[in-house]
Amino acid sequence: MQASEFPARPVTPGAPHRKALFLDRDGVINVEKNYVYRIEDFEFLPGIFDLCTIAKQRGFLLVVITNQAGIGRDYYSEADFQRLTDWMLEEFQAHDIKIDRVYHCPYHPTAGIGEYRRDSFHRKPNPGMILSARDELGLDLSISVLVGDKDTDIQAGIAAGVKNNIKLVTSGEPDPGRLEFATLQAIGGWLVLTSTFCNRSGSQQATSESDTSMDKGEK
C-alpha cells in the first residue's frame, strides 16, 4: 500500500474523534472501464461531486482507497497512476472539494509481476488501507462511512470496523434490507438524513446531560 504524494500529517493526540467518508475509486468516483490510467479514459460518475460536498459540509474527511493491480500486472506504472491521481485531485479542487488522502495497493497475489506478486494486508478485502488512514489521520471508524461497488470493498470496511458500509449497485436492484443504493445521489440523501438525525440525537443527549448536572447541583 502506498499513499499518493501528500505531505505527512501529525496524528491527532488523544482519542480519535474525526470521521471519514472512504471512497473506492473505479466504479464509485469514476466509471469502471477496466484498468483506467489515462486521463482521457477517466469519466466521473454523476453525483460524485455533490456527495463529496455533502460529506465535507458534515465534517467528513475524504479518503480514497483503491486496489490498483494494473500496476502489479504491468499494464501501467506507478508514475501513470500518480499522474492520473494528480489530475483527479485538481478536478475535485475545481469543485471546491479537498480529498484528504489517497491510498492505493498495487499488489496482486497471483497475477502480479516480480515484486508485485504477493498478497498484501492492504489489498481489499483486507482492511490495511483503512487502518492506515485511521492511524495517520486520527479517525474514529465507528462514525465513518465507506462507499464501494464491490463486495470486497464492503468486506474491507467491515473488517476494519467501519460502522456504515454502503454498496453502490449500478446494475440490478439494490437490496432494500442492506445499505445498498442505485445512485450516488441517493447515498448523498442518506448521508444528509443520517447526519441530521445524529446531530439532533447528540444535541438532545447533551441537553439531557446538562439538565441532569444542574439537577445534581441543586441537590
Protein backbone atom coordinates (compact mmCIF):
# COMPACT_ATOMS: atom_id res chain seq x y z
CA MET A 1 0.00 0.00 0.00
CA GLN A 2 1.15 3.47 -0.76
CA ALA A 3 -0.36 6.84 -0.02
CA SER A 4 -0.19 9.12 -3.00
CA GLU A 5 2.08 12.08 -2.57
CA PHE A 6 0.55 14.02 0.30
CA PRO A 7 2.52 15.85 2.98
CA ALA A 8 2.91 13.95 6.23
CA ARG A 9 0.48 14.96 8.93
CA PRO A 10 0.84 14.50 12.67
CA VAL A 11 -1.60 12.12 14.28
CA THR A 12 -4.13 13.98 16.40
CA PRO A 13 -3.26 13.36 20.06
CA GLY A 14 -5.75 11.69 22.37
CA ALA A 15 -8.70 9.56 21.37
CA PRO A 16 -9.64 9.64 17.67
CA HIS A 17 -12.64 11.83 17.00
CA ARG A 18 -12.59 12.59 13.28
CA LYS A 19 -14.77 10.78 10.78
CA ALA A 20 -14.13 9.92 7.15
CA LEU A 21 -16.03 9.06 4.03
CA PHE A 22 -14.00 6.27 2.42
CA LEU A 23 -14.43 6.04 -1.35
CA ASP A 24 -13.40 3.29 -3.71
CA ARG A 25 -12.21 4.80 -6.98
CA ASP A 26 -13.16 2.72 -10.03
CA GLY A 27 -16.91 2.23 -10.04
CA VAL A 28 -17.56 4.91 -7.40
CA ILE A 29 -15.60 8.04 -8.30
CA ASN A 30 -15.27 7.16 -11.98
CA VAL A 31 -16.94 4.81 -14.42
CA GLU A 32 -15.45 1.30 -14.30
CA LYS A 33 -13.66 0.69 -17.59
CA ASN A 34 -11.05 -1.94 -16.71
CA TYR A 35 -7.71 -0.55 -15.57
CA VAL A 36 -8.21 3.15 -16.14
CA TYR A 37 -4.91 5.01 -16.09
CA ARG A 38 -5.21 7.65 -18.80
CA ILE A 39 -6.91 10.99 -18.25
CA GLU A 40 -8.90 10.69 -21.48
CA ASP A 41 -10.46 7.44 -20.24
CA PHE A 42 -11.44 8.80 -16.82
CA GLU A 43 -15.15 9.65 -16.55
CA PHE A 44 -16.54 10.93 -13.26
CA LEU A 45 -19.71 9.23 -12.08
CA PRO A 46 -22.75 11.54 -11.88
CA GLY A 47 -23.27 12.77 -8.33
CA ILE A 48 -19.75 12.23 -7.00
CA PHE A 49 -19.02 15.93 -6.53
CA ASP A 50 -22.34 16.53 -4.79
CA LEU A 51 -21.79 13.56 -2.48
CA CYS A 52 -18.34 14.78 -1.51
CA THR A 53 -19.62 18.31 -0.93
CA ILE A 54 -22.35 16.97 1.35
CA ALA A 55 -19.80 14.91 3.27
CA LYS A 56 -17.41 17.84 3.67
CA GLN A 57 -20.21 20.08 4.91
CA ARG A 58 -20.92 17.50 7.60
CA GLY A 59 -17.36 17.25 8.82
CA PHE A 60 -16.17 14.13 6.99
CA LEU A 61 -12.63 13.79 5.70
CA LEU A 62 -12.49 12.30 2.22
CA VAL A 63 -10.24 9.27 1.78
CA VAL A 64 -9.84 7.26 -1.43
CA ILE A 65 -8.91 3.59 -1.07
CA THR A 66 -8.26 1.77 -4.33
CA ASN A 67 -6.81 -1.55 -5.45
CA GLN A 68 -4.53 -0.87 -8.42
CA ALA A 69 -3.39 -4.31 -9.54
CA GLY A 70 -2.89 -2.90 -13.03
CA ILE A 71 0.43 -1.61 -11.70
CA GLY A 72 1.39 -5.07 -10.48
CA ARG A 73 0.29 -6.63 -13.76
CA ASP A 74 2.50 -4.10 -15.63
CA TYR A 75 -0.44 -2.59 -17.50
CA TYR A 76 0.68 0.84 -16.32
CA SER A 77 3.24 2.32 -13.97
CA GLU A 78 3.23 4.00 -10.57
CA ALA A 79 4.01 7.23 -12.42
CA ASP A 80 0.95 6.75 -14.66
CA PHE A 81 -1.23 6.24 -11.60
CA GLN A 82 0.20 9.30 -9.84
CA ARG A 83 -0.28 11.46 -12.93
CA LEU A 84 -3.95 10.48 -13.14
CA THR A 85 -4.38 10.94 -9.39
CA ASP A 86 -2.92 14.45 -9.51
CA TRP A 87 -5.33 15.37 -12.30
CA MET A 88 -8.27 13.83 -10.42
CA LEU A 89 -7.43 15.84 -7.30
CA GLU A 90 -7.27 19.02 -9.36
CA GLU A 91 -10.73 18.29 -10.73
CA PHE A 92 -12.09 17.86 -7.22
CA GLN A 93 -10.35 21.06 -6.16
CA ALA A 94 -12.02 22.87 -9.05
CA HIS A 95 -15.32 21.94 -7.37
CA ASP A 96 -14.02 23.27 -4.01
CA ILE A 97 -13.53 19.73 -2.71
CA LYS A 98 -10.34 18.66 -0.98
CA ILE A 99 -9.50 14.96 -0.99
CA ASP A 100 -7.62 14.40 2.25
CA ARG A 101 -5.73 11.26 1.29
CA VAL A 102 -5.46 8.67 -1.49
CA TYR A 103 -4.28 5.15 -0.72
CA HIS A 104 -3.64 2.52 -3.36
CA CYS A 105 -2.45 -1.07 -3.34
CA PRO A 106 -0.52 -2.17 -6.46
CA TYR A 107 -0.04 -5.83 -5.49
CA HIS A 108 -1.78 -8.99 -6.71
CA PRO A 109 -1.22 -12.42 -5.12
CA THR A 110 -1.17 -14.42 -8.38
CA ALA A 111 -1.05 -12.05 -11.37
CA GLY A 112 1.50 -9.58 -10.08
CA ILE A 113 4.88 -9.46 -11.79
CA GLY A 114 8.13 -9.61 -9.83
CA GLU A 115 7.95 -7.77 -6.52
CA TYR A 116 4.28 -7.06 -7.11
CA ARG A 117 3.29 -10.73 -6.90
CA ARG A 118 2.32 -11.10 -3.28
CA ASP A 119 -0.65 -10.97 -1.02
CA SER A 120 -0.94 -7.73 0.85
CA PHE A 121 -2.77 -6.74 4.02
CA HIS A 122 -3.63 -3.53 2.20
CA ARG A 123 -5.34 -5.15 -0.77
CA LYS A 124 -9.09 -5.17 -0.32
CA PRO A 125 -10.93 -7.16 1.04
CA ASN A 126 -8.18 -6.81 3.64
CA PRO A 127 -8.54 -3.69 5.81
CA GLY A 128 -4.96 -2.36 5.65
CA MET A 129 -5.60 0.86 3.72
CA ILE A 130 -8.48 1.82 6.01
CA LEU A 131 -6.47 1.08 9.14
CA SER A 132 -3.55 3.12 7.83
CA ALA A 133 -5.90 6.06 7.29
CA ARG A 134 -7.29 5.58 10.77
CA ASP A 135 -3.85 5.76 12.33
CA GLU A 136 -2.43 8.54 10.17
CA LEU A 137 -5.49 10.82 10.23
CA GLY A 138 -6.76 10.09 13.74
CA LEU A 139 -10.09 8.64 12.60
CA ASP A 140 -12.92 7.10 14.55
CA LEU A 141 -14.14 4.32 12.28
CA SER A 142 -17.28 3.81 14.35
CA ILE A 143 -18.62 7.12 12.99
CA SER A 144 -17.15 6.78 9.50
CA VAL A 145 -18.77 5.68 6.23
CA LEU A 146 -17.49 3.64 3.29
CA VAL A 147 -18.86 3.59 -0.25
CA GLY A 148 -17.84 0.84 -2.65
CA ASP A 149 -19.27 -1.02 -5.62
CA LYS A 150 -17.84 -4.46 -4.92
CA ASP A 151 -18.27 -6.98 -2.12
CA THR A 152 -14.54 -6.73 -1.44
CA ASP A 153 -14.97 -3.04 -0.60
CA ILE A 154 -17.71 -3.83 1.90
CA GLN A 155 -15.71 -6.70 3.39
CA ALA A 156 -12.73 -4.41 3.91
CA GLY A 157 -14.89 -1.87 5.70
CA ILE A 158 -16.43 -4.49 7.96
CA ALA A 159 -13.02 -5.99 8.77
CA ALA A 160 -11.68 -2.55 9.69
CA GLY A 161 -14.63 -1.68 11.90
CA VAL A 162 -16.28 0.98 9.73
CA LYS A 163 -19.83 1.37 11.02
CA ASN A 164 -21.69 2.09 7.77
CA ASN A 165 -20.58 0.28 4.61
CA ILE A 166 -22.63 1.29 1.57
CA LYS A 167 -22.68 -0.60 -1.70
CA LEU A 168 -23.34 1.29 -4.91
CA VAL A 169 -25.34 -1.02 -7.17
CA THR A 170 -25.49 0.35 -10.69
CA SER A 171 -26.65 -2.88 -12.36
CA GLY A 172 -29.51 -4.88 -10.94
CA GLU A 173 -31.64 -3.91 -7.98
CA PRO A 174 -30.26 -2.79 -4.61
CA ASP A 175 -31.25 -4.98 -1.67
CA PRO A 176 -33.62 -2.87 0.47
CA GLY A 177 -32.60 -4.88 3.51
CA ARG A 178 -29.00 -3.71 3.20
CA LEU A 179 -27.17 -0.42 2.81
CA GLU A 180 -27.34 -0.53 -0.99
CA PHE A 181 -28.25 2.32 -3.34
CA ALA A 182 -28.53 2.68 -7.10
CA THR A 183 -27.03 6.17 -7.36
CA LEU A 184 -24.56 8.44 -5.62
CA GLN A 185 -27.35 10.99 -5.31
CA ALA A 186 -29.31 8.52 -3.18
CA ILE A 187 -26.27 7.95 -1.00
CA GLY A 188 -25.95 11.71 -0.55
CA GLY A 189 -29.57 11.86 0.56
CA TRP A 190 -28.96 9.08 3.06
CA LEU A 191 -25.92 10.91 4.42
CA VAL A 192 -27.94 14.10 4.90
CA LEU A 193 -30.71 12.27 6.78
CA THR A 194 -28.29 10.24 8.89
CA SER A 195 -26.16 13.24 9.82
CA THR A 196 -29.25 15.29 10.70
CA PHE A 197 -30.56 12.53 12.95
CA CYS A 198 -27.19 12.06 14.67
CA ASN A 199 -26.84 15.80 15.25
CA ARG A 200 -30.31 16.01 16.75
CA SER A 201 -29.68 12.98 18.94
CA GLY A 202 -26.36 14.43 20.10
CA SER A 203 -27.97 17.77 20.93
CA GLN A 204 -30.76 16.07 22.86
CA GLN A 205 -28.26 13.95 24.78
CA ALA A 206 -26.13 16.99 25.59
CA THR A 207 -29.21 18.88 26.80
CA SER A 208 -30.29 15.92 28.91
CA GLU A 209 -26.83 15.61 30.47
CA SER A 210 -26.77 19.34 31.17
CA ASP A 211 -30.17 19.20 32.84
CA THR A 212 -29.05 16.24 34.94
CA SER A 213 -25.92 18.08 36.03
CA MET A 214 -27.98 21.12 37.02
CA ASP A 215 -30.37 18.94 38.99
CA LYS A 216 -27.49 17.33 40.83
CA GLY A 217 -26.03 20.73 41.58
CA GLU A 218 -29.30 21.95 43.09
CA LYS A 219 -29.44 18.94 45.37
